[in-house]
Amino acid sequence: MLIGIDASRVLAPRLTGTERYARAVIEALIAALAGHRVRLYFRDDPALWLPQASHVERCWIRQRRLWTHWGLWRELRARPPQALFVPAHVLPFAPTPPMRRVVVVHDVGYRHFPKAHPLRQRLYLELGTWLSVRLADVVIADSEATRADVLRFYRAAPHKVRVAYPGPLPLVEMTEEEARAVLARYGLREQGYVLHVGTLQPRKNLHRLVEAWRALDPPELWLVLAGGEGWGAVSRQLCAESRVRCLGYVGDHEKSALLRHARAVVIPSLHEGFGFPVLEAHAAGAPLVCSDRSALPEVAGEAAIYFDPARVESIREALARVLDDAALRARLSAAGRANLQRFSWQACAAVIAEAILEGAPAAS
């Protein structure tokens, strides 16, 4: 069987959660589909990322605009595979030759908090998700929370939407000396800060987090926000606060060092379809304090202290509880490492491969 996979996101210059998901799940799927031919569709030069497998071929679609709906669509029309997997929300809208379609919907937070997204972005997400859910044979959701949202908002048949938990994104290995050098570059000390990792945008609820931090006013501790600017000039407003540091986008090396030596990691999001920072905190052994909304409790389980993200006082109380109790931090760290074992890319790929191959002819 020939299986096409949209690999357009794996070569983005700055890999955020969606791009990292695409790369990791495609690598796992290549192994899971070893008995079949796999064709990867790239937006950029595929020589920059070459998974080594004899059953994989690469197709470079040189289309800068409308890559999915024009470039990929034309390629599918000219040389159709028997199945197509898209790891992020959007299938080509125009008709293609008959093929099995499997698409991942990571979250529908724009439905819960429409004002936390620019209008143009929200309309594109709405239309793209609506059409993709209808065109797909199977929709993969990152969590039970996202599956429930797809069923609720898009009226998909329950058998059509399946959950495949992503695996953890590996942290960069480094020596203690290298980690301390990163902290020194940012003017931070070990255990001297609480860390939030993620794009700075309204849905992350950082204004309430900063307000809670101001009310807590912990001596000699910084609140560190590590993530690129989203929209709404969030960082310019937040970084005017005392004892708040906005580092901007940080690479994998810097992020690993920051996670390793944080007093705690905090995730105040109003909505998350999964929450990779949860698993990153677990992998680094960092105690986790997070919102009790959407998929976060499903993913973090017993390995976090939760708060109501709509209440500043709830955020403040949860942070105070963790920062003041070394024994609690040690328990959360151990629970996080145990919780991490529930997630793997192999298990994720197995669910997706089954969805792709269902009813397919024997491998050829």
Protein backbone atom coordinates (compact mmCIF):
# COMPACT_ATOMS: atom_id res chain seq x y z
CA MET A 1 0.00 0.00 0.00
CA LEU A 2 1.24 3.52 -0.81
CA ILE A 3 0.65 5.95 2.07
CA GLY A 4 1.14 9.68 1.63
CA ILE A 5 2.09 11.80 4.64
CA ASP A 6 2.07 15.61 4.82
CA ALA A 7 5.57 16.44 6.13
CA SER A 8 5.34 20.16 5.37
CA ARG A 9 5.73 21.21 9.01
CA VAL A 10 8.84 19.27 9.99
CA LEU A 11 11.28 21.84 8.55
CA ALA A 12 9.85 25.02 10.07
CA PRO A 13 12.67 27.35 11.20
CA ARG A 14 11.17 27.56 14.69
CA LEU A 15 9.59 24.33 15.86
CA THR A 16 6.60 24.85 18.14
CA GLY A 17 4.38 22.09 19.53
CA THR A 18 2.58 21.32 16.26
CA GLU A 19 5.81 21.08 14.26
CA ARG A 20 7.49 18.92 16.89
CA TYR A 21 4.46 16.66 16.95
CA ALA A 22 4.60 16.27 13.17
CA ARG A 23 8.27 15.30 13.17
CA ALA A 24 7.98 12.84 16.05
CA VAL A 25 4.80 11.14 14.85
CA ILE A 26 6.11 10.79 11.29
CA GLU A 27 9.31 9.15 12.55
CA ALA A 28 7.24 6.69 14.59
CA LEU A 29 4.85 6.04 11.69
CA ILE A 30 7.71 5.25 9.33
CA ALA A 31 8.67 2.42 11.67
CA ALA A 32 5.04 1.31 12.17
CA LEU A 33 4.42 1.20 8.40
CA ALA A 34 7.54 -0.75 7.49
CA GLY A 35 5.53 -3.22 5.39
CA HIS A 36 4.20 -0.46 3.11
CA ARG A 37 5.50 2.31 0.86
CA VAL A 38 5.51 5.77 2.43
CA ARG A 39 5.68 9.00 0.46
CA LEU A 40 6.51 12.17 2.41
CA TYR A 41 5.34 15.50 0.97
CA PHE A 42 7.64 18.44 1.80
CA ARG A 43 7.27 22.20 1.42
CA ASP A 44 11.05 22.73 1.77
CA ASP A 45 14.15 20.83 0.63
CA PRO A 46 13.72 17.29 2.07
CA ALA A 47 17.50 16.85 2.17
CA LEU A 48 17.37 18.87 5.41
CA TRP A 49 15.54 16.00 7.14
CA LEU A 50 16.15 12.50 5.86
CA PRO A 51 14.67 9.66 7.90
CA GLN A 52 16.63 6.59 6.83
CA ALA A 53 14.27 3.87 5.65
CA SER A 54 14.21 1.94 2.38
CA HIS A 55 10.41 2.08 2.10
CA VAL A 56 10.27 5.91 2.25
CA GLU A 57 10.27 8.23 -0.77
CA ARG A 58 10.23 12.03 -0.75
CA CYS A 59 8.28 14.52 -2.82
CA TRP A 60 9.27 18.18 -2.77
CA ILE A 61 6.32 20.41 -3.70
CA ARG A 62 7.74 23.83 -4.53
CA GLN A 63 4.66 25.90 -3.77
CA ARG A 64 5.06 28.86 -1.44
CA ARG A 65 1.43 29.93 -1.16
CA LEU A 66 -1.63 27.69 -0.80
CA TRP A 67 0.71 24.72 -0.35
CA THR A 68 -1.99 22.37 0.94
CA HIS A 69 -4.94 23.43 -1.18
CA TRP A 70 -3.06 23.89 -4.46
CA GLY A 71 0.40 22.33 -4.34
CA LEU A 72 -0.40 19.16 -2.37
CA TRP A 73 -3.79 18.82 -4.07
CA ARG A 74 -2.20 18.86 -7.55
CA GLU A 75 0.33 16.22 -6.51
CA LEU A 76 -2.41 14.01 -5.08
CA ARG A 77 -4.37 14.33 -8.31
CA ALA A 78 -1.35 13.51 -10.47
CA ARG A 79 0.05 10.61 -8.41
CA PRO A 80 -2.54 9.54 -5.86
CA PRO A 81 -1.56 7.39 -2.88
CA GLN A 82 -4.02 4.91 -1.42
CA ALA A 83 -4.13 6.78 1.88
CA LEU A 84 -3.22 10.26 3.12
CA PHE A 85 -2.24 11.26 6.67
CA VAL A 86 -2.15 14.94 7.68
CA PRO A 87 -0.71 15.60 11.18
CA ALA A 88 -2.25 19.04 11.67
CA HIS A 89 -5.90 19.94 11.08
CA VAL A 90 -6.20 20.69 7.35
CA LEU A 91 -6.87 18.36 4.42
CA PRO A 92 -6.94 19.70 0.84
CA PHE A 93 -10.41 21.12 0.25
CA ALA A 94 -10.78 20.23 -3.45
CA PRO A 95 -11.78 16.74 -4.60
CA THR A 96 -9.01 14.16 -5.04
CA PRO A 97 -9.00 10.60 -6.36
CA PRO A 98 -10.45 8.09 -3.88
CA MET A 99 -8.08 7.54 -0.95
CA ARG A 100 -8.37 6.95 2.78
CA ARG A 101 -7.93 10.20 4.70
CA VAL A 102 -6.74 10.48 8.31
CA VAL A 103 -6.25 13.90 9.93
CA VAL A 104 -5.17 15.07 13.39
CA VAL A 105 -7.12 17.77 15.23
CA HIS A 106 -4.96 19.05 18.07
CA ASP A 107 -7.49 21.33 19.76
CA VAL A 108 -10.44 23.63 19.13
CA GLY A 109 -9.61 26.27 21.71
CA TYR A 110 -10.78 28.97 19.31
CA ARG A 111 -14.33 27.67 19.92
CA HIS A 112 -14.04 28.04 23.69
CA PHE A 113 -12.24 31.40 23.64
CA PRO A 114 -12.90 33.08 20.28
CA LYS A 115 -11.70 36.48 21.50
CA ALA A 116 -8.29 34.99 22.30
CA HIS A 117 -7.60 34.56 18.56
CA PRO A 118 -7.33 37.10 15.73
CA LEU A 119 -10.46 37.03 13.55
CA ARG A 120 -8.65 35.92 10.39
CA GLN A 121 -6.89 33.07 12.19
CA ARG A 122 -10.11 31.98 13.88
CA LEU A 123 -12.06 31.88 10.63
CA TYR A 124 -9.34 29.83 8.90
CA LEU A 125 -9.18 27.37 11.79
CA GLU A 126 -12.97 27.09 11.88
CA LEU A 127 -13.38 26.47 8.16
CA GLY A 128 -10.36 24.19 7.90
CA THR A 129 -11.37 22.02 10.83
CA TRP A 130 -15.02 21.85 9.77
CA LEU A 131 -14.15 20.68 6.25
CA SER A 132 -11.39 18.32 7.38
CA VAL A 133 -13.66 16.58 9.88
CA ARG A 134 -16.15 15.98 7.09
CA LEU A 135 -13.62 14.89 4.48
CA ALA A 136 -11.66 12.55 6.76
CA ASP A 137 -12.38 8.87 7.22
CA VAL A 138 -10.83 9.05 10.67
CA VAL A 139 -10.07 12.05 12.90
CA ILE A 140 -7.27 11.62 15.44
CA ALA A 141 -7.57 13.69 18.63
CA ASP A 142 -4.69 14.27 21.05
CA SER A 143 -6.90 13.74 24.11
CA GLU A 144 -10.35 12.72 25.28
CA ALA A 145 -11.03 16.41 25.92
CA THR A 146 -10.31 17.27 22.28
CA ARG A 147 -12.33 14.28 21.08
CA ALA A 148 -15.31 15.52 23.09
CA ASP A 149 -14.91 18.98 21.53
CA VAL A 150 -14.83 17.58 17.98
CA LEU A 151 -17.98 15.56 18.67
CA ARG A 152 -19.69 18.54 20.28
CA PHE A 153 -18.79 21.32 17.87
CA TYR A 154 -18.57 19.43 14.57
CA ARG A 155 -21.14 16.67 15.10
CA ALA A 156 -18.77 13.95 13.92
CA ALA A 157 -19.87 10.33 14.24
CA PRO A 158 -18.38 8.96 17.50
CA HIS A 159 -16.73 5.97 15.79
CA LYS A 160 -14.90 8.34 13.45
CA VAL A 161 -12.94 10.23 16.16
CA ARG A 162 -10.19 8.35 18.00
CA VAL A 163 -7.70 9.37 20.67
CA ALA A 164 -3.96 8.85 20.20
CA TYR A 165 -1.96 10.43 23.02
CA PRO A 166 1.29 11.98 21.75
CA GLY A 167 4.58 10.90 23.25
CA PRO A 168 7.05 13.12 25.11
CA LEU A 169 9.32 15.44 23.17
CA PRO A 170 12.88 14.57 24.22
CA LEU A 171 14.89 17.18 26.07
CA VAL A 172 18.43 17.97 24.99
CA GLU A 173 21.00 16.09 27.04
CA MET A 174 23.63 18.31 28.62
CA THR A 175 26.07 18.46 31.50
CA GLU A 176 25.42 20.45 34.65
CA GLU A 177 28.14 22.85 33.58
CA GLU A 178 26.36 23.50 30.28
CA ALA A 179 23.01 23.98 32.04
CA ARG A 180 24.49 26.46 34.52
CA ALA A 181 26.08 28.39 31.67
CA VAL A 182 22.62 28.87 30.12
CA LEU A 183 21.23 30.13 33.43
CA ALA A 184 24.16 32.51 33.83
CA ARG A 185 23.51 33.92 30.37
CA TYR A 186 19.97 34.80 31.43
CA GLY A 187 21.05 36.08 34.85
CA LEU A 188 19.22 33.29 36.70
CA ARG A 189 20.25 30.94 39.49
CA GLU A 190 19.26 27.34 40.19
CA GLN A 191 15.85 27.03 41.87
CA GLY A 192 15.58 30.82 41.65
CA TYR A 193 12.64 31.06 39.28
CA VAL A 194 9.25 29.65 38.26
CA LEU A 195 9.06 28.85 34.56
CA HIS A 196 6.36 29.05 31.91
CA VAL A 197 7.17 27.72 28.42
CA GLY A 198 4.94 28.54 25.46
CA THR A 199 4.07 31.14 22.86
CA LEU A 200 2.98 34.39 24.49
CA GLN A 201 -0.64 34.91 23.50
CA PRO A 202 -3.93 35.68 25.28
CA ARG A 203 -5.14 32.07 25.49
CA LYS A 204 -2.18 31.23 27.72
CA ASN A 205 -3.75 33.41 30.45
CA LEU A 206 -0.45 35.02 31.35
CA HIS A 207 -1.97 38.27 32.56
CA ARG A 208 -3.69 36.47 35.43
CA LEU A 209 -0.50 34.54 36.13
CA VAL A 210 1.48 37.78 36.42
CA GLU A 211 -1.21 39.31 38.62
CA ALA A 212 -1.04 36.28 40.92
CA TRP A 213 2.75 36.54 40.97
CA ARG A 214 2.55 40.21 41.92
CA ALA A 215 0.19 39.33 44.79
CA LEU A 216 2.48 36.49 45.91
CA ASP A 217 5.63 38.63 45.64
CA PRO A 218 8.05 35.81 46.53
CA PRO A 219 11.43 37.17 47.66
CA GLU A 220 14.41 36.48 45.41
CA LEU A 221 12.38 34.52 42.85
CA TRP A 222 11.67 35.39 39.22
CA LEU A 223 8.72 34.46 37.04
CA VAL A 224 10.31 33.48 33.71
CA LEU A 225 8.24 33.45 30.53
CA ALA A 226 10.05 31.57 27.74
CA GLY A 227 8.34 31.71 24.37
CA GLY A 228 8.04 33.67 21.17
CA GLU A 229 5.62 36.55 20.75
CA GLY A 230 2.25 35.39 19.51
CA TRP A 231 -0.17 38.24 18.92
CA GLY A 232 -1.51 41.10 21.02
CA ALA A 233 1.88 42.48 22.14
CA VAL A 234 1.61 40.29 25.23
CA SER A 235 5.26 40.39 26.27
CA ARG A 236 5.56 44.19 26.17
CA GLN A 237 2.75 44.43 28.73
CA LEU A 238 3.91 41.59 30.95
CA CYS A 239 7.59 42.38 31.13
CA ALA A 240 6.95 45.80 32.58
CA GLU A 241 6.13 43.99 35.83
CA SER A 242 8.80 43.61 38.51
CA ARG A 243 10.44 40.21 38.92
CA VAL A 244 9.04 38.98 35.58
CA ARG A 245 11.48 38.05 32.82
CA CYS A 246 10.42 37.49 29.20
CA LEU A 247 13.17 35.58 27.39
CA GLY A 248 11.52 35.38 23.97
CA TYR A 249 11.78 32.23 21.89
CA VAL A 250 14.31 29.79 23.35
CA GLY A 251 15.90 26.89 21.51
CA ASP A 252 15.86 23.28 22.67
CA HIS A 253 19.21 23.59 24.44
CA GLU A 254 18.14 26.61 26.47
CA LYS A 255 14.71 25.18 27.23
CA SER A 256 16.18 21.97 28.61
CA ALA A 257 18.49 23.90 30.94
CA LEU A 258 15.67 26.15 32.15
CA LEU A 259 13.37 23.21 32.86
CA ARG A 260 16.06 21.29 34.71
CA HIS A 261 16.65 23.99 37.33
CA ALA A 262 13.21 25.61 37.72
CA ARG A 263 11.71 25.71 41.21
CA ALA A 264 8.43 24.83 39.48
CA VAL A 265 6.77 24.92 36.05
CA VAL A 266 3.43 26.72 35.77
CA ILE A 267 0.82 26.28 33.00
CA PRO A 268 -2.10 28.72 33.46
CA SER A 269 -3.74 28.09 30.06
CA LEU A 270 -7.45 28.63 29.56
CA HIS A 271 -7.47 25.76 27.08
CA GLU A 272 -5.03 23.10 25.83
CA GLY A 273 -5.78 20.21 23.50
CA PHE A 274 -2.95 18.22 25.06
CA GLY A 275 -0.10 20.19 26.63
CA PHE A 276 3.46 19.19 25.72
CA PRO A 277 4.89 21.41 28.49
CA VAL A 278 3.32 18.97 30.98
CA LEU A 279 5.46 16.11 29.67
CA GLU A 280 8.52 18.35 29.37
CA ALA A 281 8.20 19.32 33.03
CA HIS A 282 7.85 15.65 33.98
CA ALA A 283 10.91 14.68 31.93
CA ALA A 284 13.02 17.38 33.60
CA GLY A 285 11.81 16.46 37.07
CA ALA A 286 10.26 19.89 37.60
CA PRO A 287 7.27 20.17 39.95
CA LEU A 288 4.15 21.14 38.01
CA VAL A 289 1.45 23.69 38.89
CA CYS A 290 -1.27 23.97 36.28
CA SER A 291 -4.75 24.89 35.20
CA ASP A 292 -7.58 22.45 35.88
CA ARG A 293 -9.15 23.04 32.43
CA SER A 294 -9.49 21.08 29.20
CA ALA A 295 -6.91 18.29 28.65
CA LEU A 296 -4.40 19.32 31.32
CA PRO A 297 -5.76 17.19 34.21
CA GLU A 298 -6.18 14.28 31.79
CA VAL A 299 -2.50 14.48 30.82
CA ALA A 300 -0.90 15.44 34.16
CA GLY A 301 -3.01 13.10 36.29
CA GLU A 302 -1.82 12.97 39.92
CA ALA A 303 1.46 14.70 39.09
CA ALA A 304 0.38 18.34 39.44
CA ILE A 305 -1.15 20.86 41.80
CA TYR A 306 -4.18 22.38 40.07
CA PHE A 307 -5.83 25.79 40.15
CA ASP A 308 -8.79 27.55 38.57
CA PRO A 309 -7.21 29.65 35.79
CA ALA A 310 -10.06 32.17 35.90
CA ARG A 311 -9.28 33.09 39.54
CA VAL A 312 -6.10 34.99 40.34
CA GLU A 313 -6.34 33.98 43.99
CA SER A 314 -6.50 30.28 43.04
CA ILE A 315 -3.32 30.64 40.97
CA ARG A 316 -1.59 32.47 43.83
CA GLU A 317 -2.57 29.86 46.40
CA ALA A 318 -1.37 26.95 44.25
CA LEU A 319 1.98 28.63 43.59
CA ALA A 320 2.44 29.47 47.26
CA ARG A 321 1.69 25.89 48.27
CA VAL A 322 4.35 24.45 45.97
CA LEU A 323 7.02 27.11 46.52
CA ASP A 324 6.80 26.81 50.31
CA ASP A 325 6.92 23.00 50.55
CA ALA A 326 10.11 21.18 49.49
CA ALA A 327 8.61 17.77 50.30
CA LEU A 328 5.62 18.48 48.03
CA ARG A 329 7.97 19.51 45.23
CA ALA A 330 9.90 16.25 45.61
CA ARG A 331 6.66 14.23 45.51
CA LEU A 332 5.46 16.04 42.39
CA SER A 333 8.80 15.48 40.68
CA ALA A 334 8.67 11.72 41.34
CA ALA A 335 5.00 11.51 40.33
CA GLY A 336 5.77 13.32 37.09
CA ARG A 337 8.48 10.86 36.09
CA ALA A 338 6.06 7.99 36.78
CA ASN A 339 3.23 9.68 34.85
CA LEU A 340 5.52 10.14 31.84
CA GLN A 341 5.51 6.37 31.29
CA ARG A 342 1.88 6.54 30.10
CA PHE A 343 2.93 8.26 26.88
CA SER A 344 4.96 7.02 23.90
CA TRP A 345 5.23 7.82 20.20
CA GLN A 346 5.13 4.10 19.39
CA ALA A 347 1.69 3.78 20.98
CA CYS A 348 0.53 6.97 19.25
CA ALA A 349 1.74 5.71 15.86
CA ALA A 350 0.07 2.34 16.39
CA VAL A 351 -3.37 3.98 16.73
CA ILE A 352 -2.79 6.15 13.65
CA ALA A 353 -1.38 3.28 11.57
CA GLU A 354 -4.44 1.17 12.39
CA ALA A 355 -6.70 4.03 11.26
CA ILE A 356 -4.75 4.37 8.00
CA LEU A 357 -4.66 0.66 7.18
CA GLU A 358 -8.20 -0.30 8.15
CA GLY A 359 -9.83 -2.09 5.23
CA ALA A 360 -6.75 -1.58 3.07
CA PRO A 361 -5.49 -4.20 0.62
CA ALA A 362 -2.49 -6.29 1.58
CA ALA A 363 0.93 -4.63 1.33
CA SER A 364 2.54 -4.69 -2.11
